[in-house]
Full PDB file with SEQRES, HELIX, SHEET, SSBOND, CRYST1, ORIGX, SCALE, CONECT and MASTER records, all heavy atoms in Angstrom:
SEQRES   1 A   35  ILE ASP MET LEU ASN VAL THR PHE PHE THR GLU ASP ASP          
SEQRES   2 A   35  PRO ALA GLU LYS ARG ASP PHE LEU ARG LEU LEU PRO LYS          
SEQRES   3 A   35  LEU TYR LYS GLU GLN TYR ALA PRO TRP                          
HELIX    1 AA1 ASP A    2  PHE A    9  1                                   8    
HELIX    2 AA2 PRO A   14  GLU A   16  5                                   3    
HELIX    3 AA3 PHE A   20  LEU A   23  1                                   4    
HELIX    4 AA4 PRO A   25  TYR A   28  1                                   4    
HELIX    5 AA5 GLU A   30  TYR A   32  5                                   3    
CRYST1    1.000    1.000    1.000  90.00  90.00  90.00 P 1           1          
ORIGX1      1.000000  0.000000  0.000000        0.00000                         
ORIGX2      0.000000  1.000000  0.000000        0.00000                         
ORIGX3      0.000000  0.000000  1.000000        0.00000                         
SCALE1      1.000000  0.000000  0.000000        0.00000                         
SCALE2      0.000000  1.000000  0.000000        0.00000                         
SCALE3      0.000000  0.000000  1.000000        0.00000                         
ATOM      1  N   ILE A   1      92.298 117.202  89.879  1.00  0.00           N  
ATOM      2  CA  ILE A   1      91.769 115.831  90.083  1.00  0.00           C  
ATOM      3  C   ILE A   1      91.181 115.396  88.734  1.00  0.00           C  
ATOM      4  O   ILE A   1      91.285 114.222  88.336  1.00  0.00           O  
ATOM      5  CB  ILE A   1      90.816 115.802  91.145  1.00  0.00           C  
ATOM      6  CG1 ILE A   1      91.479 115.842  92.508  1.00  0.00           C  
ATOM      7  CG2 ILE A   1      89.811 114.651  91.107  1.00  0.00           C  
ATOM      8  CD1 ILE A   1      92.154 114.542  92.874  1.00  0.00           C  
ATOM      9  N   ASP A   2      90.509 116.282  88.019  1.00  0.00           N  
ATOM     10  CA  ASP A   2      89.881 115.884  86.710  1.00  0.00           C  
ATOM     11  C   ASP A   2      90.929 115.456  85.788  1.00  0.00           C  
ATOM     12  O   ASP A   2      90.918 114.477  85.049  1.00  0.00           O  
ATOM     13  CB  ASP A   2      89.143 117.028  86.166  1.00  0.00           C  
ATOM     14  CG  ASP A   2      87.760 117.258  86.904  1.00  0.00           C  
ATOM     15  OD1 ASP A   2      87.356 116.408  87.620  1.00  0.00           O  
ATOM     16  OD2 ASP A   2      87.207 118.390  86.666  1.00  0.00           O  
ATOM     17  N   MET A   3      92.096 116.242  85.732  1.00  0.00           N  
ATOM     18  CA  MET A   3      93.226 115.879  84.860  1.00  0.00           C  
ATOM     19  C   MET A   3      93.764 114.515  85.188  1.00  0.00           C  
ATOM     20  O   MET A   3      94.041 113.651  84.360  1.00  0.00           O  
ATOM     21  CB  MET A   3      94.233 116.896  84.960  1.00  0.00           C  
ATOM     22  CG  MET A   3      95.493 116.712  84.075  1.00  0.00           C  
ATOM     23  SD  MET A   3      96.814 115.769  84.889  1.00  0.00           S  
ATOM     24  CE  MET A   3      97.344 116.870  86.122  1.00  0.00           C  
ATOM     25  N   LEU A   4      94.005 114.271  86.481  1.00  0.00           N  
ATOM     26  CA  LEU A   4      94.492 112.927  86.916  1.00  0.00           C  
ATOM     27  C   LEU A   4      93.589 111.757  86.636  1.00  0.00           C  
ATOM     28  O   LEU A   4      93.999 110.709  86.157  1.00  0.00           O  
ATOM     29  CB  LEU A   4      94.846 113.019  88.448  1.00  0.00           C  
ATOM     30  CG  LEU A   4      96.014 113.916  88.837  1.00  0.00           C  
ATOM     31  CD1 LEU A   4      96.074 114.120  90.332  1.00  0.00           C  
ATOM     32  CD2 LEU A   4      97.348 113.279  88.381  1.00  0.00           C  
ATOM     33  N   ASN A   5      92.265 111.956  86.953  1.00  0.00           N  
ATOM     34  CA  ASN A   5      91.295 111.018  86.570  1.00  0.00           C  
ATOM     35  C   ASN A   5      91.307 110.530  85.114  1.00  0.00           C  
ATOM     36  O   ASN A   5      91.323 109.407  84.732  1.00  0.00           O  
ATOM     37  CB  ASN A   5      89.966 111.361  87.035  1.00  0.00           C  
ATOM     38  CG  ASN A   5      89.775 111.322  88.537  1.00  0.00           C  
ATOM     39  OD1 ASN A   5      90.508 110.519  89.248  1.00  0.00           O  
ATOM     40  ND2 ASN A   5      88.810 112.015  89.106  1.00  0.00           N  
ATOM     41  N   VAL A   6      91.350 111.594  84.237  1.00  0.00           N  
ATOM     42  CA  VAL A   6      91.467 111.327  82.810  1.00  0.00           C  
ATOM     43  C   VAL A   6      92.669 110.647  82.499  1.00  0.00           C  
ATOM     44  O   VAL A   6      92.758 109.653  81.618  1.00  0.00           O  
ATOM     45  CB  VAL A   6      91.292 112.691  82.028  1.00  0.00           C  
ATOM     46  CG1 VAL A   6      91.688 112.494  80.532  1.00  0.00           C  
ATOM     47  CG2 VAL A   6      89.887 113.296  82.148  1.00  0.00           C  
ATOM     48  N   THR A   7      93.854 111.051  83.021  1.00  0.00           N  
ATOM     49  CA  THR A   7      95.193 110.479  82.727  1.00  0.00           C  
ATOM     50  C   THR A   7      95.180 108.983  83.020  1.00  0.00           C  
ATOM     51  O   THR A   7      95.680 108.177  82.299  1.00  0.00           O  
ATOM     52  CB  THR A   7      96.302 111.204  83.511  1.00  0.00           C  
ATOM     53  OG1 THR A   7      96.203 112.594  83.013  1.00  0.00           O  
ATOM     54  CG2 THR A   7      97.596 110.654  83.240  1.00  0.00           C  
ATOM     55  N   PHE A   8      94.683 108.583  84.231  1.00  0.00           N  
ATOM     56  CA  PHE A   8      94.810 107.335  84.796  1.00  0.00           C  
ATOM     57  C   PHE A   8      93.712 106.348  84.443  1.00  0.00           C  
ATOM     58  O   PHE A   8      93.920 105.120  84.341  1.00  0.00           O  
ATOM     59  CB  PHE A   8      94.952 107.294  86.303  1.00  0.00           C  
ATOM     60  CG  PHE A   8      96.367 107.674  86.770  1.00  0.00           C  
ATOM     61  CD1 PHE A   8      96.683 109.088  87.000  1.00  0.00           C  
ATOM     62  CD2 PHE A   8      97.316 106.714  87.009  1.00  0.00           C  
ATOM     63  CE1 PHE A   8      97.944 109.452  87.450  1.00  0.00           C  
ATOM     64  CE2 PHE A   8      98.651 107.183  87.375  1.00  0.00           C  
ATOM     65  CZ  PHE A   8      98.950 108.520  87.562  1.00  0.00           C  
ATOM     66  N   PHE A   9      92.465 106.817  84.285  1.00  0.00           N  
ATOM     67  CA  PHE A   9      91.324 105.952  84.398  1.00  0.00           C  
ATOM     68  C   PHE A   9      90.430 106.012  83.167  1.00  0.00           C  
ATOM     69  O   PHE A   9      89.268 105.492  83.236  1.00  0.00           O  
ATOM     70  CB  PHE A   9      90.501 106.173  85.685  1.00  0.00           C  
ATOM     71  CG  PHE A   9      91.306 106.225  86.882  1.00  0.00           C  
ATOM     72  CD1 PHE A   9      91.203 107.202  87.835  1.00  0.00           C  
ATOM     73  CD2 PHE A   9      92.151 105.172  87.078  1.00  0.00           C  
ATOM     74  CE1 PHE A   9      91.974 107.161  88.985  1.00  0.00           C  
ATOM     75  CE2 PHE A   9      92.993 105.083  88.290  1.00  0.00           C  
ATOM     76  CZ  PHE A   9      92.825 106.147  89.248  1.00  0.00           C  
ATOM     77  N   THR A  10      90.783 106.679  82.113  1.00  0.00           N  
ATOM     78  CA  THR A  10      89.876 106.746  80.944  1.00  0.00           C  
ATOM     79  C   THR A  10      89.486 105.501  80.329  1.00  0.00           C  
ATOM     80  O   THR A  10      88.404 105.327  79.920  1.00  0.00           O  
ATOM     81  CB  THR A  10      90.676 107.628  79.883  1.00  0.00           C  
ATOM     82  OG1 THR A  10      90.842 108.957  80.340  1.00  0.00           O  
ATOM     83  CG2 THR A  10      89.828 107.781  78.559  1.00  0.00           C  
ATOM     84  N   GLU A  11      90.447 104.542  80.422  1.00  0.00           N  
ATOM     85  CA  GLU A  11      90.196 103.227  79.730  1.00  0.00           C  
ATOM     86  C   GLU A  11      89.462 102.205  80.701  1.00  0.00           C  
ATOM     87  O   GLU A  11      89.346 101.026  80.322  1.00  0.00           O  
ATOM     88  CB  GLU A  11      91.498 102.684  79.206  1.00  0.00           C  
ATOM     89  CG  GLU A  11      92.089 103.581  78.067  1.00  0.00           C  
ATOM     90  CD  GLU A  11      93.404 102.998  77.494  1.00  0.00           C  
ATOM     91  OE1 GLU A  11      93.708 101.832  77.916  1.00  0.00           O  
ATOM     92  OE2 GLU A  11      93.927 103.582  76.622  1.00  0.00           O  
ATOM     93  N   ASP A  12      89.153 102.598  81.935  1.00  0.00           N  
ATOM     94  CA  ASP A  12      88.509 101.675  82.800  1.00  0.00           C  
ATOM     95  C   ASP A  12      87.144 101.255  82.271  1.00  0.00           C  
ATOM     96  O   ASP A  12      86.409 102.057  81.630  1.00  0.00           O  
ATOM     97  CB  ASP A  12      88.193 102.326  84.199  1.00  0.00           C  
ATOM     98  CG  ASP A  12      89.432 102.335  85.124  1.00  0.00           C  
ATOM     99  OD1 ASP A  12      90.509 101.915  84.636  1.00  0.00           O  
ATOM    100  OD2 ASP A  12      89.369 102.773  86.245  1.00  0.00           O  
ATOM    101  N   ASP A  13      86.773 100.005  82.611  1.00  0.00           N  
ATOM    102  CA  ASP A  13      85.361  99.568  82.331  1.00  0.00           C  
ATOM    103  C   ASP A  13      84.411 100.496  83.096  1.00  0.00           C  
ATOM    104  O   ASP A  13      84.599 100.718  84.330  1.00  0.00           O  
ATOM    105  CB  ASP A  13      85.244  98.138  82.805  1.00  0.00           C  
ATOM    106  CG  ASP A  13      83.928  97.471  82.551  1.00  0.00           C  
ATOM    107  OD1 ASP A  13      82.902  98.247  82.583  1.00  0.00           O  
ATOM    108  OD2 ASP A  13      83.830  96.256  82.441  1.00  0.00           O  
ATOM    109  N   PRO A  14      83.431 101.024  82.469  1.00  0.00           N  
ATOM    110  CA  PRO A  14      82.499 101.965  83.093  1.00  0.00           C  
ATOM    111  C   PRO A  14      81.858 101.339  84.409  1.00  0.00           C  
ATOM    112  O   PRO A  14      81.608 102.086  85.329  1.00  0.00           O  
ATOM    113  CB  PRO A  14      81.428 102.286  82.037  1.00  0.00           C  
ATOM    114  CG  PRO A  14      82.158 102.011  80.776  1.00  0.00           C  
ATOM    115  CD  PRO A  14      83.127 100.896  80.993  1.00  0.00           C  
ATOM    116  N   ALA A  15      81.678 100.036  84.415  1.00  0.00           N  
ATOM    117  CA  ALA A  15      81.067  99.426  85.601  1.00  0.00           C  
ATOM    118  C   ALA A  15      82.003  99.333  86.716  1.00  0.00           C  
ATOM    119  O   ALA A  15      81.626  99.167  87.877  1.00  0.00           O  
ATOM    120  CB  ALA A  15      80.569  98.036  85.263  1.00  0.00           C  
ATOM    121  N   GLU A  16      83.273  99.495  86.495  1.00  0.00           N  
ATOM    122  CA  GLU A  16      84.367  99.433  87.553  1.00  0.00           C  
ATOM    123  C   GLU A  16      85.258 100.593  87.606  1.00  0.00           C  
ATOM    124  O   GLU A  16      86.319 100.592  88.174  1.00  0.00           O  
ATOM    125  CB  GLU A  16      85.161  98.168  87.296  1.00  0.00           C  
ATOM    126  CG  GLU A  16      84.412  96.857  87.243  1.00  0.00           C  
ATOM    127  CD  GLU A  16      85.270  95.685  86.928  1.00  0.00           C  
ATOM    128  OE1 GLU A  16      86.509  95.849  86.737  1.00  0.00           O  
ATOM    129  OE2 GLU A  16      84.712  94.540  86.920  1.00  0.00           O  
ATOM    130  N   LYS A  17      84.718 101.745  87.028  1.00  0.00           N  
ATOM    131  CA  LYS A  17      85.524 102.934  86.895  1.00  0.00           C  
ATOM    132  C   LYS A  17      86.093 103.529  88.186  1.00  0.00           C  
ATOM    133  O   LYS A  17      85.311 103.679  89.165  1.00  0.00           O  
ATOM    134  CB  LYS A  17      84.751 104.065  86.086  1.00  0.00           C  
ATOM    135  CG  LYS A  17      85.699 105.112  85.518  1.00  0.00           C  
ATOM    136  CD  LYS A  17      84.931 105.950  84.568  1.00  0.00           C  
ATOM    137  CE  LYS A  17      85.916 106.967  83.968  1.00  0.00           C  
ATOM    138  NZ  LYS A  17      86.905 106.426  83.114  1.00  0.00           N  
ATOM    139  N   ARG A  18      87.295 103.770  88.261  1.00  0.00           N  
ATOM    140  CA  ARG A  18      87.929 104.386  89.460  1.00  0.00           C  
ATOM    141  C   ARG A  18      88.073 105.848  89.304  1.00  0.00           C  
ATOM    142  O   ARG A  18      87.972 106.439  88.297  1.00  0.00           O  
ATOM    143  CB  ARG A  18      89.333 103.774  89.665  1.00  0.00           C  
ATOM    144  CG  ARG A  18      89.401 102.217  89.794  1.00  0.00           C  
ATOM    145  CD  ARG A  18      90.838 101.713  89.566  1.00  0.00           C  
ATOM    146  NE  ARG A  18      91.224 101.846  88.205  1.00  0.00           N  
ATOM    147  CZ  ARG A  18      92.445 101.580  87.769  1.00  0.00           C  
ATOM    148  NH1 ARG A  18      93.443 101.294  88.614  1.00  0.00           N  
ATOM    149  NH2 ARG A  18      92.791 101.692  86.520  1.00  0.00           N  
ATOM    150  N   ASP A  19      88.251 106.508  90.449  1.00  0.00           N  
ATOM    151  CA  ASP A  19      88.571 107.864  90.519  1.00  0.00           C  
ATOM    152  C   ASP A  19      89.457 108.055  91.850  1.00  0.00           C  
ATOM    153  O   ASP A  19      89.352 107.290  92.744  1.00  0.00           O  
ATOM    154  CB  ASP A  19      87.398 108.836  90.499  1.00  0.00           C  
ATOM    155  CG  ASP A  19      86.492 108.654  91.677  1.00  0.00           C  
ATOM    156  OD1 ASP A  19      86.922 109.126  92.849  1.00  0.00           O  
ATOM    157  OD2 ASP A  19      85.435 108.178  91.571  1.00  0.00           O  
ATOM    158  N   PHE A  20      90.240 109.170  91.873  1.00  0.00           N  
ATOM    159  CA  PHE A  20      91.159 109.290  92.994  1.00  0.00           C  
ATOM    160  C   PHE A  20      90.429 109.515  94.304  1.00  0.00           C  
ATOM    161  O   PHE A  20      90.997 109.146  95.362  1.00  0.00           O  
ATOM    162  CB  PHE A  20      92.186 110.416  92.589  1.00  0.00           C  
ATOM    163  CG  PHE A  20      93.400 109.930  91.859  1.00  0.00           C  
ATOM    164  CD1 PHE A  20      93.393 110.128  90.482  1.00  0.00           C  
ATOM    165  CD2 PHE A  20      94.421 109.242  92.471  1.00  0.00           C  
ATOM    166  CE1 PHE A  20      94.506 109.721  89.731  1.00  0.00           C  
ATOM    167  CE2 PHE A  20      95.516 108.810  91.787  1.00  0.00           C  
ATOM    168  CZ  PHE A  20      95.548 109.045  90.386  1.00  0.00           C  
ATOM    169  N   LEU A  21      89.339 110.194  94.327  1.00  0.00           N  
ATOM    170  CA  LEU A  21      88.671 110.388  95.660  1.00  0.00           C  
ATOM    171  C   LEU A  21      88.297 109.169  96.234  1.00  0.00           C  
ATOM    172  O   LEU A  21      88.357 108.932  97.478  1.00  0.00           O  
ATOM    173  CB  LEU A  21      87.550 111.434  95.426  1.00  0.00           C  
ATOM    174  CG  LEU A  21      86.738 111.727  96.671  1.00  0.00           C  
ATOM    175  CD1 LEU A  21      87.666 112.369  97.736  1.00  0.00           C  
ATOM    176  CD2 LEU A  21      85.580 112.679  96.376  1.00  0.00           C  
ATOM    177  N   ARG A  22      87.686 108.255  95.441  1.00  0.00           N  
ATOM    178  CA  ARG A  22      87.216 106.952  95.999  1.00  0.00           C  
ATOM    179  C   ARG A  22      88.390 106.018  96.327  1.00  0.00           C  
ATOM    180  O   ARG A  22      88.421 105.260  97.215  1.00  0.00           O  
ATOM    181  CB  ARG A  22      86.277 106.262  95.075  1.00  0.00           C  
ATOM    182  CG  ARG A  22      84.849 106.906  95.114  1.00  0.00           C  
ATOM    183  CD  ARG A  22      83.786 106.084  94.408  1.00  0.00           C  
ATOM    184  NE  ARG A  22      84.178 106.121  92.906  1.00  0.00           N  
ATOM    185  CZ  ARG A  22      83.540 105.404  92.022  1.00  0.00           C  
ATOM    186  NH1 ARG A  22      82.587 104.463  92.399  1.00  0.00           N  
ATOM    187  NH2 ARG A  22      83.945 105.439  90.776  1.00  0.00           N  
ATOM    188  N   LEU A  23      89.429 106.131  95.458  1.00  0.00           N  
ATOM    189  CA  LEU A  23      90.640 105.217  95.675  1.00  0.00           C  
ATOM    190  C   LEU A  23      91.332 105.581  97.080  1.00  0.00           C  
ATOM    191  O   LEU A  23      91.762 104.714  97.824  1.00  0.00           O  
ATOM    192  CB  LEU A  23      91.625 105.446  94.562  1.00  0.00           C  
ATOM    193  CG  LEU A  23      91.462 104.501  93.378  1.00  0.00           C  
ATOM    194  CD1 LEU A  23      92.520 104.792  92.344  1.00  0.00           C  
ATOM    195  CD2 LEU A  23      91.547 103.040  93.744  1.00  0.00           C  
ATOM    196  N   LEU A  24      91.503 106.919  97.248  1.00  0.00           N  
ATOM    197  CA  LEU A  24      92.306 107.318  98.372  1.00  0.00           C  
ATOM    198  C   LEU A  24      91.574 108.491  99.079  1.00  0.00           C  
ATOM    199  O   LEU A  24      92.141 109.693  99.011  1.00  0.00           O  
ATOM    200  CB  LEU A  24      93.722 107.733  97.962  1.00  0.00           C  
ATOM    201  CG  LEU A  24      94.589 106.581  97.512  1.00  0.00           C  
ATOM    202  CD1 LEU A  24      95.804 107.038  96.775  1.00  0.00           C  
ATOM    203  CD2 LEU A  24      95.014 105.685  98.605  1.00  0.00           C  
ATOM    204  N   PRO A  25      90.531 108.242  99.817  1.00  0.00           N  
ATOM    205  CA  PRO A  25      89.870 109.405 100.455  1.00  0.00           C  
ATOM    206  C   PRO A  25      90.722 110.029 101.472  1.00  0.00           C  
ATOM    207  O   PRO A  25      90.625 111.224 101.806  1.00  0.00           O  
ATOM    208  CB  PRO A  25      88.611 108.673 101.130  1.00  0.00           C  
ATOM    209  CG  PRO A  25      88.958 107.205 101.185  1.00  0.00           C  
ATOM    210  CD  PRO A  25      89.841 106.974  99.835  1.00  0.00           C  
ATOM    211  N   LYS A  26      91.670 109.295 102.046  1.00  0.00           N  
ATOM    212  CA  LYS A  26      92.582 109.808 103.099  1.00  0.00           C  
ATOM    213  C   LYS A  26      93.464 110.973 102.537  1.00  0.00           C  
ATOM    214  O   LYS A  26      93.989 111.774 103.389  1.00  0.00           O  
ATOM    215  CB  LYS A  26      93.514 108.761 103.667  1.00  0.00           C  
ATOM    216  CG  LYS A  26      94.455 108.219 102.594  1.00  0.00           C  
ATOM    217  CD  LYS A  26      95.518 107.152 103.123  1.00  0.00           C  
ATOM    218  CE  LYS A  26      96.456 106.721 102.104  1.00  0.00           C  
ATOM    219  NZ  LYS A  26      97.494 105.839 102.531  1.00  0.00           N  
ATOM    220  N   LEU A  27      93.628 111.050 101.193  1.00  0.00           N  
ATOM    221  CA  LEU A  27      94.437 112.038 100.627  1.00  0.00           C  
ATOM    222  C   LEU A  27      93.649 113.146  99.922  1.00  0.00           C  
ATOM    223  O   LEU A  27      94.059 114.289  99.988  1.00  0.00           O  
ATOM    224  CB  LEU A  27      95.411 111.491  99.557  1.00  0.00           C  
ATOM    225  CG  LEU A  27      96.355 110.416 100.112  1.00  0.00           C  
ATOM    226  CD1 LEU A  27      97.299 109.945  98.942  1.00  0.00           C  
ATOM    227  CD2 LEU A  27      97.143 110.862 101.197  1.00  0.00           C  
ATOM    228  N   TYR A  28      92.531 112.854  99.329  1.00  0.00           N  
ATOM    229  CA  TYR A  28      91.894 113.728  98.478  1.00  0.00           C  
ATOM    230  C   TYR A  28      90.634 114.425  98.904  1.00  0.00           C  
ATOM    231  O   TYR A  28      90.109 115.296  98.208  1.00  0.00           O  
ATOM    232  CB  TYR A  28      91.663 113.036  97.044  1.00  0.00           C  
ATOM    233  CG  TYR A  28      92.880 112.541  96.475  1.00  0.00           C  
ATOM    234  CD1 TYR A  28      93.157 111.129  96.389  1.00  0.00           C  
ATOM    235  CD2 TYR A  28      93.881 113.436  96.024  1.00  0.00           C  
ATOM    236  CE1 TYR A  28      94.358 110.707  95.894  1.00  0.00           C  
ATOM    237  CE2 TYR A  28      95.089 112.932  95.457  1.00  0.00           C  
ATOM    238  CZ  TYR A  28      95.270 111.538  95.448  1.00  0.00           C  
ATOM    239  OH  TYR A  28      96.465 111.100  94.915  1.00  0.00           O  
ATOM    240  N   LYS A  29      90.202 113.996 100.130  1.00  0.00           N  
ATOM    241  CA  LYS A  29      88.993 114.763 100.688  1.00  0.00           C  
ATOM    242  C   LYS A  29      89.437 116.143 101.010  1.00  0.00           C  
ATOM    243  O   LYS A  29      90.597 116.442 101.441  1.00  0.00           O  
ATOM    244  CB  LYS A  29      88.539 114.045 101.864  1.00  0.00           C  
ATOM    245  CG  LYS A  29      87.600 112.858 101.576  1.00  0.00           C  
ATOM    246  CD  LYS A  29      86.980 112.298 102.930  1.00  0.00           C  
ATOM    247  CE  LYS A  29      85.960 111.249 102.738  1.00  0.00           C  
ATOM    248  NZ  LYS A  29      85.340 110.799 103.943  1.00  0.00           N  
ATOM    249  N   GLU A  30      88.522 117.161 100.842  1.00  0.00           N  
ATOM    250  CA  GLU A  30      88.838 118.535 101.069  1.00  0.00           C  
ATOM    251  C   GLU A  30      89.474 118.868 102.436  1.00  0.00           C  
ATOM    252  O   GLU A  30      90.347 119.724 102.608  1.00  0.00           O  
ATOM    253  CB  GLU A  30      87.682 119.407 100.722  1.00  0.00           C  
ATOM    254  CG  GLU A  30      87.364 119.457  99.249  1.00  0.00           C  
ATOM    255  CD  GLU A  30      86.384 120.675  98.967  1.00  0.00           C  
ATOM    256  OE1 GLU A  30      85.950 121.369 100.029  1.00  0.00           O  
ATOM    257  OE2 GLU A  30      85.905 120.747  97.868  1.00  0.00           O  
ATOM    258  N   GLN A  31      88.981 118.034 103.504  1.00  0.00           N  
ATOM    259  CA  GLN A  31      89.394 118.408 104.770  1.00  0.00           C  
ATOM    260  C   GLN A  31      90.908 118.080 105.046  1.00  0.00           C  
ATOM    261  O   GLN A  31      91.498 118.511 106.052  1.00  0.00           O  
ATOM    262  CB  GLN A  31      88.538 117.713 105.884  1.00  0.00           C  
ATOM    263  CG  GLN A  31      88.570 116.161 105.796  1.00  0.00           C  
ATOM    264  CD  GLN A  31      87.341 115.562 105.161  1.00  0.00           C  
ATOM    265  OE1 GLN A  31      86.857 116.037 104.107  1.00  0.00           O  
ATOM    266  NE2 GLN A  31      86.857 114.578 105.759  1.00  0.00           N  
ATOM    267  N   TYR A  32      91.471 117.365 104.076  1.00  0.00           N  
ATOM    268  CA  TYR A  32      92.794 117.072 104.209  1.00  0.00           C  
ATOM    269  C   TYR A  32      93.750 117.984 103.398  1.00  0.00           C  
ATOM    270  O   TYR A  32      95.002 117.700 103.273  1.00  0.00           O  
ATOM    271  CB  TYR A  32      93.135 115.606 103.914  1.00  0.00           C  
ATOM    272  CG  TYR A  32      92.280 114.592 104.624  1.00  0.00           C  
ATOM    273  CD1 TYR A  32      91.561 113.612 103.990  1.00  0.00           C  
ATOM    274  CD2 TYR A  32      92.115 114.729 105.963  1.00  0.00           C  
ATOM    275  CE1 TYR A  32      90.751 112.693 104.745  1.00  0.00           C  
ATOM    276  CE2 TYR A  32      91.295 113.844 106.742  1.00  0.00           C  
ATOM    277  CZ  TYR A  32      90.647 112.805 106.119  1.00  0.00           C  
ATOM    278  OH  TYR A  32      89.793 111.996 106.732  1.00  0.00           O  
ATOM    279  N   ALA A  33      93.201 119.006 102.752  1.00  0.00           N  
ATOM    280  CA  ALA A  33      93.886 120.007 102.052  1.00  0.00           C  
ATOM    281  C   ALA A  33      94.889 119.378 101.017  1.00  0.00           C  
ATOM    282  O   ALA A  33      96.079 119.696 101.054  1.00  0.00           O  
ATOM    283  CB  ALA A  33      94.562 121.011 102.972  1.00  0.00           C  
ATOM    284  N   PRO A  34      94.375 118.576 100.101  1.00  0.00           N  
ATOM    285  CA  PRO A  34      95.391 117.873  99.158  1.00  0.00           C  
ATOM    286  C   PRO A  34      96.174 118.884  98.285  1.00  0.00           C  
ATOM    287  O   PRO A  34      97.220 118.488  97.767  1.00  0.00           O  
ATOM    288  CB  PRO A  34      94.436 117.054  98.352  1.00  0.00           C  
ATOM    289  CG  PRO A  34      93.045 117.721  98.479  1.00  0.00           C  
ATOM    290  CD  PRO A  34      92.998 118.255  99.728  1.00  0.00           C  
ATOM    291  N   TRP A  35      95.611 120.085  98.041  1.00  0.00           N  
ATOM    292  CA  TRP A  35      96.298 121.026  97.231  1.00  0.00           C  
ATOM    293  C   TRP A  35      97.698 121.392  97.734  1.00  0.00           C  
ATOM    294  O   TRP A  35      98.646 121.565  96.983  1.00  0.00           O  
ATOM    295  CB  TRP A  35      95.495 122.287  97.060  1.00  0.00           C  
ATOM    296  CG  TRP A  35      94.848 122.740  98.277  1.00  0.00           C  
ATOM    297  CD1 TRP A  35      95.335 123.569  99.275  1.00  0.00           C  
ATOM    298  CD2 TRP A  35      93.535 122.391  98.668  1.00  0.00           C  
ATOM    299  NE1 TRP A  35      94.404 123.696 100.253  1.00  0.00           N  
ATOM    300  CE2 TRP A  35      93.207 122.939  99.959  1.00  0.00           C  
ATOM    301  CE3 TRP A  35      92.478 121.620  98.130  1.00  0.00           C  
ATOM    302  CZ2 TRP A  35      92.069 122.956 100.644  1.00  0.00           C  
ATOM    303  CZ3 TRP A  35      91.340 121.465  98.812  1.00  0.00           C  
ATOM    304  CH2 TRP A  35      91.100 122.123 100.055  1.00  0.00           C  
TER     305      TRP A  35                                                      
MASTER        0    0    0    5    0    0    0    6  304    1    0    3          
END                                                                             
């Protein structure tokens, strides 16, 4: 997840910065076993 966040969102405005967990909780929360 850290690698993906760096790959996709490094250039985001800090005030609007995205990350995969907040973008798609249905996929990346631990209870959904995203690995």
